[in-house]
Amino acid sequence: MSGISFAVSKITIAYNQENEMVDFYNKLFSADLSPFQAGEFRFYKGKIGEIGLLFCPNEMLGINAEKNNIQFTVQVPNLEDILSKVSRYSGEQIQEINREESQSSVGISDPDGNSIELLEIQAVR
């Protein structure tokens, strides 16, 4: 595969709890989700870091999944700071913090139950 490079350019999430999901991603990840209408459905467009983020209503896709099959890892500058906001915005911490010498991580879930790993890389001393 010479000359081909791959990068994730966009994540699409089908939401159930519209307001809670928008608040969660905007407050925790500064996603800057803004709404737009497409037919009878409301979508949201934003970013997590440099990756595009698109929210679409679950009923539009006809998906009947209760929880996600893919988990994303989001690198954060301060794990404790972000973690302190999770329950405030209808998320949940789903595991204890795993602390290692060079990094700390923890599993959380968003308001729709999708799991996300938060990862903080510590500076080498």
PDB file of N, CA and C in Angstrom:
ATOM      1  N   MET A   1       0.835  -1.181   0.000  1.00  0.00           N
ATOM      2  CA  MET A   1       0.000   0.000   0.000  1.00  0.00           C
ATOM      3  C   MET A   1       0.880   1.244   0.000  1.00  0.00           C
ATOM      4  N   SER A   2       1.699   1.378  -0.972  1.00  0.00           N
ATOM      5  CA  SER A   2       2.605   2.517  -1.012  1.00  0.00           C
ATOM      6  C   SER A   2       1.859   3.806  -1.315  1.00  0.00           C
ATOM      7  N   GLY A   3       2.249   4.869  -0.624  1.00  0.00           N
ATOM      8  CA  GLY A   3       1.703   6.188  -0.887  1.00  0.00           C
ATOM      9  C   GLY A   3       0.324   6.450  -0.306  1.00  0.00           C
ATOM     10  N   ILE A   4      -0.280   5.470   0.332  1.00  0.00           N
ATOM     11  CA  ILE A   4      -1.605   5.682   0.908  1.00  0.00           C
ATOM     12  C   ILE A   4      -1.463   5.825   2.415  1.00  0.00           C
ATOM     13  N   SER A   5      -2.011   6.918   2.931  1.00  0.00           N
ATOM     14  CA  SER A   5      -2.030   7.064   4.386  1.00  0.00           C
ATOM     15  C   SER A   5      -3.481   7.144   4.835  1.00  0.00           C
ATOM     16  N   PHE A   6      -3.725   6.685   6.019  1.00  0.00           N
ATOM     17  CA  PHE A   6      -5.077   6.644   6.549  1.00  0.00           C
ATOM     18  C   PHE A   6      -5.177   7.534   7.772  1.00  0.00           C
ATOM     19  N   ALA A   7      -6.325   8.160   7.933  1.00  0.00           N
ATOM     20  CA  ALA A   7      -6.602   8.966   9.111  1.00  0.00           C
ATOM     21  C   ALA A   7      -8.108   8.990   9.313  1.00  0.00           C
ATOM     22  N   VAL A   8      -8.524   8.959  10.556  1.00  0.00           N
ATOM     23  CA  VAL A   8      -9.944   9.110  10.849  1.00  0.00           C
ATOM     24  C   VAL A   8     -10.295  10.568  10.598  1.00  0.00           C
ATOM     25  N   SER A   9     -11.284  10.817   9.750  1.00  0.00           N
ATOM     26  CA  SER A   9     -11.645  12.196   9.419  1.00  0.00           C
ATOM     27  C   SER A   9     -12.969  12.621  10.031  1.00  0.00           C
ATOM     28  N   LYS A  10     -13.827  11.640  10.374  1.00  0.00           N
ATOM     29  CA  LYS A  10     -15.115  11.995  10.964  1.00  0.00           C
ATOM     30  C   LYS A  10     -15.663  10.818  11.753  1.00  0.00           C
ATOM     31  N   ILE A  11     -16.344  11.136  12.850  1.00  0.00           N
ATOM     32  CA  ILE A  11     -17.056  10.154  13.651  1.00  0.00           C
ATOM     33  C   ILE A  11     -18.533  10.522  13.574  1.00  0.00           C
ATOM     34  N   THR A  12     -19.380   9.555  13.258  1.00  0.00           N
ATOM     35  CA  THR A  12     -20.823   9.783  13.265  1.00  0.00           C
ATOM     36  C   THR A  12     -21.427   8.997  14.419  1.00  0.00           C
ATOM     37  N   ILE A  13     -22.214   9.682  15.232  1.00  0.00           N
ATOM     38  CA  ILE A  13     -22.873   9.063  16.378  1.00  0.00           C
ATOM     39  C   ILE A  13     -24.376   9.244  16.223  1.00  0.00           C
ATOM     40  N   ALA A  14     -25.109   8.145  16.302  1.00  0.00           N
ATOM     41  CA  ALA A  14     -26.573   8.208  16.283  1.00  0.00           C
ATOM     42  C   ALA A  14     -27.038   8.424  17.721  1.00  0.00           C
ATOM     43  N   TYR A  15     -27.723   9.528  17.953  1.00  0.00           N
ATOM     44  CA  TYR A  15     -28.127   9.865  19.322  1.00  0.00           C
ATOM     45  C   TYR A  15     -29.570   9.479  19.614  1.00  0.00           C
ATOM     46  N   ASN A  16     -29.829   9.228  20.919  1.00  0.00           N
ATOM     47  CA  ASN A  16     -31.187   9.045  21.431  1.00  0.00           C
ATOM     48  C   ASN A  16     -31.581  10.245  22.283  1.00  0.00           C
ATOM     49  N   GLN A  17     -30.707  10.638  23.198  1.00  0.00           N
ATOM     50  CA  GLN A  17     -30.974  11.736  24.126  1.00  0.00           C
ATOM     51  C   GLN A  17     -30.304  13.003  23.592  1.00  0.00           C
ATOM     52  N   GLU A  18     -30.984  13.690  22.733  1.00  0.00           N
ATOM     53  CA  GLU A  18     -30.419  14.807  21.973  1.00  0.00           C
ATOM     54  C   GLU A  18     -29.732  15.858  22.843  1.00  0.00           C
ATOM     55  N   ASN A  19     -30.460  16.499  23.740  1.00  0.00           N
ATOM     56  CA  ASN A  19     -29.891  17.602  24.525  1.00  0.00           C
ATOM     57  C   ASN A  19     -28.752  17.149  25.419  1.00  0.00           C
ATOM     58  N   GLU A  20     -28.924  15.998  26.071  1.00  0.00           N
ATOM     59  CA  GLU A  20     -27.890  15.482  26.967  1.00  0.00           C
ATOM     60  C   GLU A  20     -26.614  15.143  26.205  1.00  0.00           C
ATOM     61  N   MET A  21     -26.765  14.544  25.034  1.00  0.00           N
ATOM     62  CA  MET A  21     -25.597  14.181  24.229  1.00  0.00           C
ATOM     63  C   MET A  21     -24.848  15.422  23.743  1.00  0.00           C
ATOM     64  N   VAL A  22     -25.568  16.422  23.272  1.00  0.00           N
ATOM     65  CA  VAL A  22     -24.933  17.655  22.798  1.00  0.00           C
ATOM     66  C   VAL A  22     -24.203  18.337  23.949  1.00  0.00           C
ATOM     67  N   ASP A  23     -24.855  18.464  25.110  1.00  0.00           N
ATOM     68  CA  ASP A  23     -24.209  19.081  26.274  1.00  0.00           C
ATOM     69  C   ASP A  23     -22.959  18.317  26.682  1.00  0.00           C
ATOM     70  N   PHE A  24     -23.057  16.994  26.745  1.00  0.00           N
ATOM     71  CA  PHE A  24     -21.942  16.150  27.167  1.00  0.00           C
ATOM     72  C   PHE A  24     -20.717  16.370  26.285  1.00  0.00           C
ATOM     73  N   TYR A  25     -20.879  16.261  24.983  1.00  0.00           N
ATOM     74  CA  TYR A  25     -19.737  16.389  24.073  1.00  0.00           C
ATOM     75  C   TYR A  25     -19.232  17.830  23.987  1.00  0.00           C
ATOM     76  N   ASN A  26     -20.117  18.801  24.074  1.00  0.00           N
ATOM     77  CA  ASN A  26     -19.680  20.203  24.069  1.00  0.00           C
ATOM     78  C   ASN A  26     -18.921  20.549  25.340  1.00  0.00           C
ATOM     79  N   LYS A  27     -19.413  20.123  26.490  1.00  0.00           N
ATOM     80  CA  LYS A  27     -18.805  20.500  27.770  1.00  0.00           C
ATOM     81  C   LYS A  27     -17.532  19.711  28.052  1.00  0.00           C
ATOM     82  N   LEU A  28     -17.505  18.425  27.723  1.00  0.00           N
ATOM     83  CA  LEU A  28     -16.323  17.620  28.025  1.00  0.00           C
ATOM     84  C   LEU A  28     -15.229  17.754  26.982  1.00  0.00           C
ATOM     85  N   PHE A  29     -15.593  17.799  25.710  1.00  0.00           N
ATOM     86  CA  PHE A  29     -14.612  17.746  24.639  1.00  0.00           C
ATOM     87  C   PHE A  29     -14.573  18.999  23.777  1.00  0.00           C
ATOM     88  N   SER A  30     -15.260  20.069  24.213  1.00  0.00           N
ATOM     89  CA  SER A  30     -15.308  21.328  23.443  1.00  0.00           C
ATOM     90  C   SER A  30     -15.617  21.052  21.973  1.00  0.00           C
ATOM     91  N   ALA A  31     -16.615  20.221  21.725  1.00  0.00           N
ATOM     92  CA  ALA A  31     -16.936  19.776  20.364  1.00  0.00           C
ATOM     93  C   ALA A  31     -17.581  20.861  19.510  1.00  0.00           C
ATOM     94  N   ASP A  32     -18.097  21.901  20.137  1.00  0.00           N
ATOM     95  CA  ASP A  32     -18.733  23.014  19.412  1.00  0.00           C
ATOM     96  C   ASP A  32     -19.787  22.504  18.426  1.00  0.00           C
ATOM     97  N   LEU A  33     -20.624  21.588  18.904  1.00  0.00           N
ATOM     98  CA  LEU A  33     -21.681  21.029  18.059  1.00  0.00           C
ATOM     99  C   LEU A  33     -22.739  22.084  17.764  1.00  0.00           C
ATOM    100  N   SER A  34     -23.024  22.272  16.500  1.00  0.00           N
ATOM    101  CA  SER A  34     -24.060  23.227  16.101  1.00  0.00           C
ATOM    102  C   SER A  34     -25.105  22.493  15.261  1.00  0.00           C
ATOM    103  N   PRO A  35     -26.393  22.822  15.487  1.00  0.00           N
ATOM    104  CA  PRO A  35     -27.463  22.090  14.823  1.00  0.00           C
ATOM    105  C   PRO A  35     -27.678  22.527  13.381  1.00  0.00           C
ATOM    106  N   PHE A  36     -28.161  21.588  12.581  1.00  0.00           N
ATOM    107  CA  PHE A  36     -28.653  21.922  11.245  1.00  0.00           C
ATOM    108  C   PHE A  36     -29.769  20.938  10.902  1.00  0.00           C
ATOM    109  N   GLN A  37     -30.676  21.372  10.088  1.00  0.00           N
ATOM    110  CA  GLN A  37     -31.847  20.581   9.723  1.00  0.00           C
ATOM    111  C   GLN A  37     -31.628  19.931   8.361  1.00  0.00           C
ATOM    112  N   ALA A  38     -32.016  18.674   8.238  1.00  0.00           N
ATOM    113  CA  ALA A  38     -32.007  17.963   6.954  1.00  0.00           C
ATOM    114  C   ALA A  38     -33.334  17.224   6.865  1.00  0.00           C
ATOM    115  N   GLY A  39     -34.239  17.776   6.103  1.00  0.00           N
ATOM    116  CA  GLY A  39     -35.588  17.213   6.059  1.00  0.00           C
ATOM    117  C   GLY A  39     -36.251  17.399   7.404  1.00  0.00           C
ATOM    118  N   GLU A  40     -36.804  16.326   7.937  1.00  0.00           N
ATOM    119  CA  GLU A  40     -37.481  16.410   9.231  1.00  0.00           C
ATOM    120  C   GLU A  40     -36.547  16.154  10.411  1.00  0.00           C
ATOM    121  N   PHE A  41     -35.285  15.907  10.151  1.00  0.00           N
ATOM    122  CA  PHE A  41     -34.354  15.523  11.212  1.00  0.00           C
ATOM    123  C   PHE A  41     -33.364  16.632  11.546  1.00  0.00           C
ATOM    124  N   ARG A  42     -33.004  16.698  12.856  1.00  0.00           N
ATOM    125  CA  ARG A  42     -31.997  17.652  13.317  1.00  0.00           C
ATOM    126  C   ARG A  42     -30.667  16.908  13.497  1.00  0.00           C
ATOM    127  N   PHE A  43     -29.640  17.433  12.876  1.00  0.00           N
ATOM    128  CA  PHE A  43     -28.277  16.921  12.979  1.00  0.00           C
ATOM    129  C   PHE A  43     -27.429  17.945  13.730  1.00  0.00           C
ATOM    130  N   TYR A  44     -26.245  17.518  14.152  1.00  0.00           N
ATOM    131  CA  TYR A  44     -25.282  18.419  14.786  1.00  0.00           C
ATOM    132  C   TYR A  44     -23.917  18.143  14.176  1.00  0.00           C
ATOM    133  N   LYS A  45     -23.173  19.196  13.940  1.00  0.00           N
ATOM    134  CA  LYS A  45     -21.839  19.074  13.359  1.00  0.00           C
ATOM    135  C   LYS A  45     -20.852  19.796  14.266  1.00  0.00           C
ATOM    136  N   GLY A  46     -19.700  19.165  14.503  1.00  0.00           N
ATOM    137  CA  GLY A  46     -18.658  19.761  15.329  1.00  0.00           C
ATOM    138  C   GLY A  46     -17.350  19.010  15.128  1.00  0.00           C
ATOM    139  N   LYS A  47     -16.475  19.089  16.137  1.00  0.00           N
ATOM    140  CA  LYS A  47     -15.169  18.421  16.071  1.00  0.00           C
ATOM    141  C   LYS A  47     -14.734  17.989  17.461  1.00  0.00           C
ATOM    142  N   ILE A  48     -13.996  16.907  17.511  1.00  0.00           N
ATOM    143  CA  ILE A  48     -13.216  16.547  18.696  1.00  0.00           C
ATOM    144  C   ILE A  48     -11.774  16.639  18.237  1.00  0.00           C
ATOM    145  N   GLY A  49     -11.067  17.629  18.728  1.00  0.00           N
ATOM    146  CA  GLY A  49      -9.720  17.884  18.221  1.00  0.00           C
ATOM    147  C   GLY A  49      -9.806  18.232  16.751  1.00  0.00           C
ATOM    148  N   GLU A  50      -9.125  17.471  15.924  1.00  0.00           N
ATOM    149  CA  GLU A  50      -9.132  17.706  14.476  1.00  0.00           C
ATOM    150  C   GLU A  50     -10.053  16.749  13.726  1.00  0.00           C
ATOM    151  N   ILE A  51     -10.794  15.933  14.470  1.00  0.00           N
ATOM    152  CA  ILE A  51     -11.669  14.947  13.837  1.00  0.00           C
ATOM    153  C   ILE A  51     -13.095  15.475  13.803  1.00  0.00           C
ATOM    154  N   GLY A  52     -13.699  15.442  12.628  1.00  0.00           N
ATOM    155  CA  GLY A  52     -15.082  15.877  12.475  1.00  0.00           C
ATOM    156  C   GLY A  52     -16.029  14.989  13.272  1.00  0.00           C
ATOM    157  N   LEU A  53     -17.077  15.595  13.816  1.00  0.00           N
ATOM    158  CA  LEU A  53     -18.062  14.868  14.608  1.00  0.00           C
ATOM    159  C   LEU A  53     -19.447  15.196  14.071  1.00  0.00           C
ATOM    160  N   LEU A  54     -20.226  14.175  13.767  1.00  0.00           N
ATOM    161  CA  LEU A  54     -21.579  14.358  13.261  1.00  0.00           C
ATOM    162  C   LEU A  54     -22.537  13.563  14.135  1.00  0.00           C
ATOM    163  N   PHE A  55     -23.554  14.244  14.657  1.00  0.00           N
ATOM    164  CA  PHE A  55     -24.632  13.583  15.391  1.00  0.00           C
ATOM    165  C   PHE A  55     -25.840  13.497  14.478  1.00  0.00           C
ATOM    166  N   CYS A  56     -26.453  12.334  14.432  1.00  0.00           N
ATOM    167  CA  CYS A  56     -27.706  12.186  13.686  1.00  0.00           C
ATOM    168  C   CYS A  56     -28.686  11.428  14.575  1.00  0.00           C
ATOM    169  N   PRO A  57     -29.985  11.670  14.402  1.00  0.00           N
ATOM    170  CA  PRO A  57     -30.963  10.993  15.248  1.00  0.00           C
ATOM    171  C   PRO A  57     -31.018   9.490  14.966  1.00  0.00           C
ATOM    172  N   ASN A  58     -31.038   8.718  16.028  1.00  0.00           N
ATOM    173  CA  ASN A  58     -31.055   7.261  15.925  1.00  0.00           C
ATOM    174  C   ASN A  58     -32.229   6.769  15.084  1.00  0.00           C
ATOM    175  N   GLU A  59     -33.404   7.393  15.243  1.00  0.00           N
ATOM    176  CA  GLU A  59     -34.580   6.909  14.508  1.00  0.00           C
ATOM    177  C   GLU A  59     -34.442   7.087  13.001  1.00  0.00           C
ATOM    178  N   MET A  60     -33.634   8.045  12.568  1.00  0.00           N
ATOM    179  CA  MET A  60     -33.433   8.251  11.137  1.00  0.00           C
ATOM    180  C   MET A  60     -32.709   7.063  10.508  1.00  0.00           C
ATOM    181  N   LEU A  61     -31.744   6.512  11.233  1.00  0.00           N
ATOM    182  CA  LEU A  61     -30.947   5.401  10.708  1.00  0.00           C
ATOM    183  C   LEU A  61     -31.638   4.056  10.858  1.00  0.00           C
ATOM    184  N   GLY A  62     -32.646   4.011  11.712  1.00  0.00           N
ATOM    185  CA  GLY A  62     -33.323   2.741  11.954  1.00  0.00           C
ATOM    186  C   GLY A  62     -32.469   1.766  12.733  1.00  0.00           C
ATOM    187  N   ILE A  63     -31.513   2.284  13.490  1.00  0.00           N
ATOM    188  CA  ILE A  63     -30.628   1.440  14.290  1.00  0.00           C
ATOM    189  C   ILE A  63     -31.335   1.105  15.595  1.00  0.00           C
ATOM    190  N   ASN A  64     -31.263  -0.150  15.994  1.00  0.00           N
ATOM    191  CA  ASN A  64     -31.911  -0.568  17.222  1.00  0.00           C
ATOM    192  C   ASN A  64     -30.876  -1.042  18.233  1.00  0.00           C
ATOM    193  N   ALA A  65     -29.662  -0.563  18.128  1.00  0.00           N
ATOM    194  CA  ALA A  65     -28.597  -0.967  19.044  1.00  0.00           C
ATOM    195  C   ALA A  65     -28.770  -0.252  20.376  1.00  0.00           C
ATOM    196  N   GLU A  66     -28.568  -0.975  21.464  1.00  0.00           N
ATOM    197  CA  GLU A  66     -28.663  -0.371  22.789  1.00  0.00           C
ATOM    198  C   GLU A  66     -27.361   0.326  23.177  1.00  0.00           C
ATOM    199  N   LYS A  67     -26.237  -0.251  22.775  1.00  0.00           N
ATOM    200  CA  LYS A  67     -24.933   0.324  23.099  1.00  0.00           C
ATOM    201  C   LYS A  67     -24.017   0.182  21.894  1.00  0.00           C
ATOM    202  N   ASN A  68     -22.907   0.904  21.970  1.00  0.00           N
ATOM    203  CA  ASN A  68     -21.980   0.930  20.841  1.00  0.00           C
ATOM    204  C   ASN A  68     -21.169  -0.354  20.700  1.00  0.00           C
ATOM    205  N   ASN A  69     -20.655  -0.583  19.516  1.00  0.00           N
ATOM    206  CA  ASN A  69     -19.755  -1.700  19.257  1.00  0.00           C
ATOM    207  C   ASN A  69     -18.326  -1.226  19.060  1.00  0.00           C
ATOM    208  N   ILE A  70     -18.124   0.067  19.009  1.00  0.00           N
ATOM    209  CA  ILE A  70     -16.799   0.654  18.831  1.00  0.00           C
ATOM    210  C   ILE A  70     -16.544   1.590  19.994  1.00  0.00           C
ATOM    211  N   GLN A  71     -15.349   1.544  20.539  1.00  0.00           N
ATOM    212  CA  GLN A  71     -14.991   2.463  21.616  1.00  0.00           C
ATOM    213  C   GLN A  71     -13.881   3.373  21.136  1.00  0.00           C
ATOM    214  N   PHE A  72     -14.036   4.652  21.403  1.00  0.00           N
ATOM    215  CA  PHE A  72     -13.012   5.616  21.042  1.00  0.00           C
ATOM    216  C   PHE A  72     -12.205   5.990  22.267  1.00  0.00           C
ATOM    217  N   THR A  73     -10.935   6.287  22.045  1.00  0.00           N
ATOM    218  CA  THR A  73     -10.068   6.826  23.081  1.00  0.00           C
ATOM    219  C   THR A  73      -9.859   8.292  22.765  1.00  0.00           C
ATOM    220  N   VAL A  74     -10.136   9.139  23.751  1.00  0.00           N
ATOM    221  CA  VAL A  74      -9.954  10.575  23.580  1.00  0.00           C
ATOM    222  C   VAL A  74      -8.846  11.015  24.524  1.00  0.00           C
ATOM    223  N   GLN A  75      -7.751  11.529  23.954  1.00  0.00           N
ATOM    224  CA  GLN A  75      -6.652  12.030  24.769  1.00  0.00           C
ATOM    225  C   GLN A  75      -7.042  13.394  25.313  1.00  0.00           C
ATOM    226  N   VAL A  76      -6.886  13.573  26.620  1.00  0.00           N
ATOM    227  CA  VAL A  76      -7.280  14.809  27.290  1.00  0.00           C
ATOM    228  C   VAL A  76      -6.075  15.410  28.007  1.00  0.00           C
ATOM    229  N   PRO A  77      -6.065  16.743  28.182  1.00  0.00           N
ATOM    230  CA  PRO A  77      -4.927  17.374  28.838  1.00  0.00           C
ATOM    231  C   PRO A  77      -4.894  17.139  30.346  1.00  0.00           C
ATOM    232  N   ASN A  78      -6.076  16.975  30.986  1.00  0.00           N
ATOM    233  CA  ASN A  78      -6.144  16.797  32.430  1.00  0.00           C
ATOM    234  C   ASN A  78      -7.287  15.839  32.747  1.00  0.00           C
ATOM    235  N   LEU A  79      -6.949  14.601  33.031  1.00  0.00           N
ATOM    236  CA  LEU A  79      -7.945  13.555  33.251  1.00  0.00           C
ATOM    237  C   LEU A  79      -8.885  13.893  34.403  1.00  0.00           C
ATOM    238  N   GLU A  80      -8.335  14.335  35.525  1.00  0.00           N
ATOM    239  CA  GLU A  80      -9.154  14.643  36.703  1.00  0.00           C
ATOM    240  C   GLU A  80     -10.157  15.752  36.406  1.00  0.00           C
ATOM    241  N   ASP A  81      -9.735  16.770  35.671  1.00  0.00           N
ATOM    242  CA  ASP A  81     -10.623  17.887  35.338  1.00  0.00           C
ATOM    243  C   ASP A  81     -11.794  17.412  34.479  1.00  0.00           C
ATOM    244  N   ILE A  82     -11.505  16.650  33.445  1.00  0.00           N
ATOM    245  CA  ILE A  82     -12.561  16.149  32.562  1.00  0.00           C
ATOM    246  C   ILE A  82     -13.465  15.179  33.318  1.00  0.00           C
ATOM    247  N   LEU A  83     -12.875  14.300  34.106  1.00  0.00           N
ATOM    248  CA  LEU A  83     -13.649  13.308  34.851  1.00  0.00           C
ATOM    249  C   LEU A  83     -14.607  13.971  35.840  1.00  0.00           C
ATOM    250  N   SER A  84     -14.213  15.097  36.407  1.00  0.00           N
ATOM    251  CA  SER A  84     -15.087  15.800  37.357  1.00  0.00           C
ATOM    252  C   SER A  84     -16.349  16.335  36.690  1.00  0.00           C
ATOM    253  N   LYS A  85     -16.360  16.447  35.375  1.00  0.00           N
ATOM    254  CA  LYS A  85     -17.512  16.978  34.642  1.00  0.00           C
ATOM    255  C   LYS A  85     -18.432  15.890  34.093  1.00  0.00           C
ATOM    256  N   VAL A  86     -17.995  14.648  34.107  1.00  0.00           N
ATOM    257  CA  VAL A  86     -18.736  13.568  33.450  1.00  0.00           C
ATOM    258  C   VAL A  86     -20.158  13.440  33.987  1.00  0.00           C
ATOM    259  N   SER A  87     -20.324  13.275  35.296  1.00  0.00           N
ATOM    260  CA  SER A  87     -21.676  13.080  35.842  1.00  0.00           C
ATOM    261  C   SER A  87     -22.503  14.359  35.770  1.00  0.00           C
ATOM    262  N   ARG A  88     -21.857  15.511  35.829  1.00  0.00           N
ATOM    263  CA  ARG A  88     -22.564  16.790  35.725  1.00  0.00           C
ATOM    264  C   ARG A  88     -23.310  16.898  34.395  1.00  0.00           C
ATOM    265  N   TYR A  89     -22.778  16.262  33.354  1.00  0.00           N
ATOM    266  CA  TYR A  89     -23.383  16.335  32.028  1.00  0.00           C
ATOM    267  C   TYR A  89     -23.971  14.991  31.593  1.00  0.00           C
ATOM    268  N   SER A  90     -24.522  14.263  32.564  1.00  0.00           N
ATOM    269  CA  SER A  90     -25.299  13.035  32.337  1.00  0.00           C
ATOM    270  C   SER A  90     -24.485  11.844  31.853  1.00  0.00           C
ATOM    271  N   GLY A  91     -23.174  11.878  32.039  1.00  0.00           N
ATOM    272  CA  GLY A  91     -22.338  10.726  31.731  1.00  0.00           C
ATOM    273  C   GLY A  91     -22.092   9.921  32.994  1.00  0.00           C
ATOM    274  N   GLU A  92     -21.283   8.869  32.883  1.00  0.00           N
ATOM    275  CA  GLU A  92     -21.019   8.007  34.021  1.00  0.00           C
ATOM    276  C   GLU A  92     -19.606   7.445  33.929  1.00  0.00           C
ATOM    277  N   GLN A  93     -18.907   7.431  35.059  1.00  0.00           N
ATOM    278  CA  GLN A  93     -17.610   6.761  35.132  1.00  0.00           C
ATOM    279  C   GLN A  93     -17.902   5.275  35.269  1.00  0.00           C
ATOM    280  N   ILE A  94     -17.332   4.442  34.392  1.00  0.00           N
ATOM    281  CA  ILE A  94     -17.665   3.017  34.396  1.00  0.00           C
ATOM    282  C   ILE A  94     -16.515   2.122  34.865  1.00  0.00           C
ATOM    283  N   GLN A  95     -15.383   2.724  35.217  1.00  0.00           N
ATOM    284  CA  GLN A  95     -14.283   1.942  35.781  1.00  0.00           C
ATOM    285  C   GLN A  95     -13.380   2.859  36.592  1.00  0.00           C
ATOM    286  N   GLU A  96     -12.545   2.245  37.397  1.00  0.00           N
ATOM    287  CA  GLU A  96     -11.581   3.006  38.184  1.00  0.00           C
ATOM    288  C   GLU A  96     -10.472   3.534  37.276  1.00  0.00           C
ATOM    289  N   ILE A  97      -9.839   4.607  37.714  1.00  0.00           N
ATOM    290  CA  ILE A  97      -8.712   5.163  36.953  1.00  0.00           C
ATOM    291  C   ILE A  97      -7.552   4.176  36.980  1.00  0.00           C
ATOM    292  N   ASN A  98      -6.988   3.908  35.816  1.00  0.00           N
ATOM    293  CA  ASN A  98      -5.809   3.065  35.685  1.00  0.00           C
ATOM    294  C   ASN A  98      -4.602   3.990  35.562  1.00  0.00           C
ATOM    295  N   ARG A  99      -3.767   4.023  36.599  1.00  0.00           N
ATOM    296  CA  ARG A  99      -2.606   4.918  36.602  1.00  0.00           C
ATOM    297  C   ARG A  99      -1.335   4.116  36.341  1.00  0.00           C
ATOM    298  N   GLU A 100      -0.603   4.550  35.337  1.00  0.00           N
ATOM    299  CA  GLU A 100       0.693   3.966  35.026  1.00  0.00           C
ATOM    300  C   GLU A 100       1.717   5.088  35.066  1.00  0.00           C
ATOM    301  N   GLU A 101       2.985   4.747  34.910  1.00  0.00           N
ATOM    302  CA  GLU A 101       4.044   5.753  35.006  1.00  0.00           C
ATOM    303  C   GLU A 101       3.891   6.862  33.974  1.00  0.00           C
ATOM    304  N   SER A 102       3.556   6.506  32.751  1.00  0.00           N
ATOM    305  CA  SER A 102       3.527   7.503  31.678  1.00  0.00           C
ATOM    306  C   SER A 102       2.123   7.927  31.248  1.00  0.00           C
ATOM    307  N   GLN A 103       1.092   7.280  31.802  1.00  0.00           N
ATOM    308  CA  GLN A 103      -0.261   7.643  31.386  1.00  0.00           C
ATOM    309  C   GLN A 103      -1.290   7.201  32.417  1.00  0.00           C
ATOM    310  N   SER A 104      -2.452   7.829  32.350  1.00  0.00           N
ATOM    311  CA  SER A 104      -3.607   7.433  33.152  1.00  0.00           C
ATOM    312  C   SER A 104      -4.801   7.342  32.215  1.00  0.00           C
ATOM    313  N   SER A 105      -5.685   6.386  32.504  1.00  0.00           N
ATOM    314  CA  SER A 105      -6.871   6.235  31.661  1.00  0.00           C
ATOM    315  C   SER A 105      -8.057   5.804  32.515  1.00  0.00           C
ATOM    316  N   VAL A 106      -9.249   6.050  31.975  1.00  0.00           N
ATOM    317  CA  VAL A 106     -10.475   5.644  32.662  1.00  0.00           C
ATOM    318  C   VAL A 106     -11.582   5.488  31.630  1.00  0.00           C
ATOM    319  N   GLY A 107     -12.485   4.567  31.880  1.00  0.00           N
ATOM    320  CA  GLY A 107     -13.639   4.381  31.012  1.00  0.00           C
ATOM    321  C   GLY A 107     -14.823   5.179  31.523  1.00  0.00           C
ATOM    322  N   ILE A 108     -15.504   5.848  30.611  1.00  0.00           N
ATOM    323  CA  ILE A 108     -16.724   6.578  30.935  1.00  0.00           C
ATOM    324  C   ILE A 108     -17.783   6.194  29.902  1.00  0.00           C
ATOM    325  N   SER A 109     -19.019   6.602  30.158  1.00  0.00           N
ATOM    326  CA  SER A 109     -20.053   6.444  29.138  1.00  0.00           C
ATOM    327  C   SER A 109     -20.774   7.767  28.962  1.00  0.00           C
ATOM    328  N   ASP A 110     -21.211   8.026  27.738  1.00  0.00           N
ATOM    329  CA  ASP A 110     -21.969   9.244  27.457  1.00  0.00           C
ATOM    330  C   ASP A 110     -23.436   9.010  27.827  1.00  0.00           C
ATOM    331  N   PRO A 111     -24.304  10.015  27.699  1.00  0.00           N
ATOM    332  CA  PRO A 111     -25.698   9.847  28.112  1.00  0.00           C
ATOM    333  C   PRO A 111     -26.456   8.721  27.402  1.00  0.00           C
ATOM    334  N   ASP A 112     -26.037   8.323  26.217  1.00  0.00           N
ATOM    335  CA  ASP A 112     -26.684   7.219  25.509  1.00  0.00           C
ATOM    336  C   ASP A 112     -26.047   5.866  25.817  1.00  0.00           C
ATOM    337  N   GLY A 113     -25.038   5.821  26.695  1.00  0.00           N
ATOM    338  CA  GLY A 113     -24.411   4.565  27.089  1.00  0.00           C
ATOM    339  C   GLY A 113     -23.226   4.144  26.249  1.00  0.00           C
ATOM    340  N   ASN A 114     -22.763   4.990  25.317  1.00  0.00           N
ATOM    341  CA  ASN A 114     -21.579   4.681  24.512  1.00  0.00           C
ATOM    342  C   ASN A 114     -20.337   4.824  25.373  1.00  0.00           C
ATOM    343  N   SER A 115     -19.463   3.829  25.340  1.00  0.00           N
ATOM    344  CA  SER A 115     -18.254   3.896  26.158  1.00  0.00           C
ATOM    345  C   SER A 115     -17.155   4.682  25.453  1.00  0.00           C
ATOM    346  N   ILE A 116     -16.391   5.407  26.272  1.00  0.00           N
ATOM    347  CA  ILE A 116     -15.285   6.241  25.797  1.00  0.00           C
ATOM    348  C   ILE A 116     -14.143   6.044  26.781  1.00  0.00           C
ATOM    349  N   GLU A 117     -12.944   5.865  26.280  1.00  0.00           N
ATOM    350  CA  GLU A 117     -11.771   5.831  27.147  1.00  0.00           C
ATOM    351  C   GLU A 117     -11.148   7.221  27.140  1.00  0.00           C
ATOM    352  N   LEU A 118     -10.950   7.789  28.333  1.00  0.00           N
ATOM    353  CA  LEU A 118     -10.217   9.045  28.465  1.00  0.00           C
ATOM    354  C   LEU A 118      -8.770   8.695  28.777  1.00  0.00           C
ATOM    355  N   LEU A 119      -7.834   9.341  28.109  1.00  0.00           N
ATOM    356  CA  LEU A 119      -6.414   9.038  28.256  1.00  0.00           C
ATOM    357  C   LEU A 119      -5.634  10.324  28.471  1.00  0.00           C
ATOM    358  N   GLU A 120      -4.832  10.348  29.531  1.00  0.00           N
ATOM    359  CA  GLU A 120      -3.919  11.469  29.770  1.00  0.00           C
ATOM    360  C   GLU A 120      -2.495  10.932  29.717  1.00  0.00           C
ATOM    361  N   ILE A 121      -1.682  11.525  28.863  1.00  0.00           N
ATOM    362  CA  ILE A 121      -0.266  11.167  28.757  1.00  0.00           C
ATOM    363  C   ILE A 121       0.518  12.113  29.661  1.00  0.00           C
ATOM    364  N   GLN A 122       1.281  11.544  30.601  1.00  0.00           N
ATOM    365  CA  GLN A 122       2.094  12.371  31.483  1.00  0.00           C
ATOM    366  C   GLN A 122       3.429  12.695  30.819  1.00  0.00           C
ATOM    367  N   ALA A 123       3.895  13.888  31.086  1.00  0.00           N
ATOM    368  CA  ALA A 123       5.202  14.301  30.569  1.00  0.00           C
ATOM    369  C   ALA A 123       6.281  13.441  31.222  1.00  0.00           C
ATOM    370  N   VAL A 124       7.261  13.027  30.434  1.00  0.00           N
ATOM    371  CA  VAL A 124       8.369  12.226  30.947  1.00  0.00           C
ATOM    372  C   VAL A 124       9.245  13.113  31.811  1.00  0.00           C
ATOM    373  N   ARG A 125       9.574  12.602  33.001  1.00  0.00           N
ATOM    374  CA  ARG A 125      10.381  13.401  33.946  1.00  0.00           C
ATOM    375  C   ARG A 125      11.777  12.902  34.038  1.00  0.00           C
TER     376      ARG A 125
END
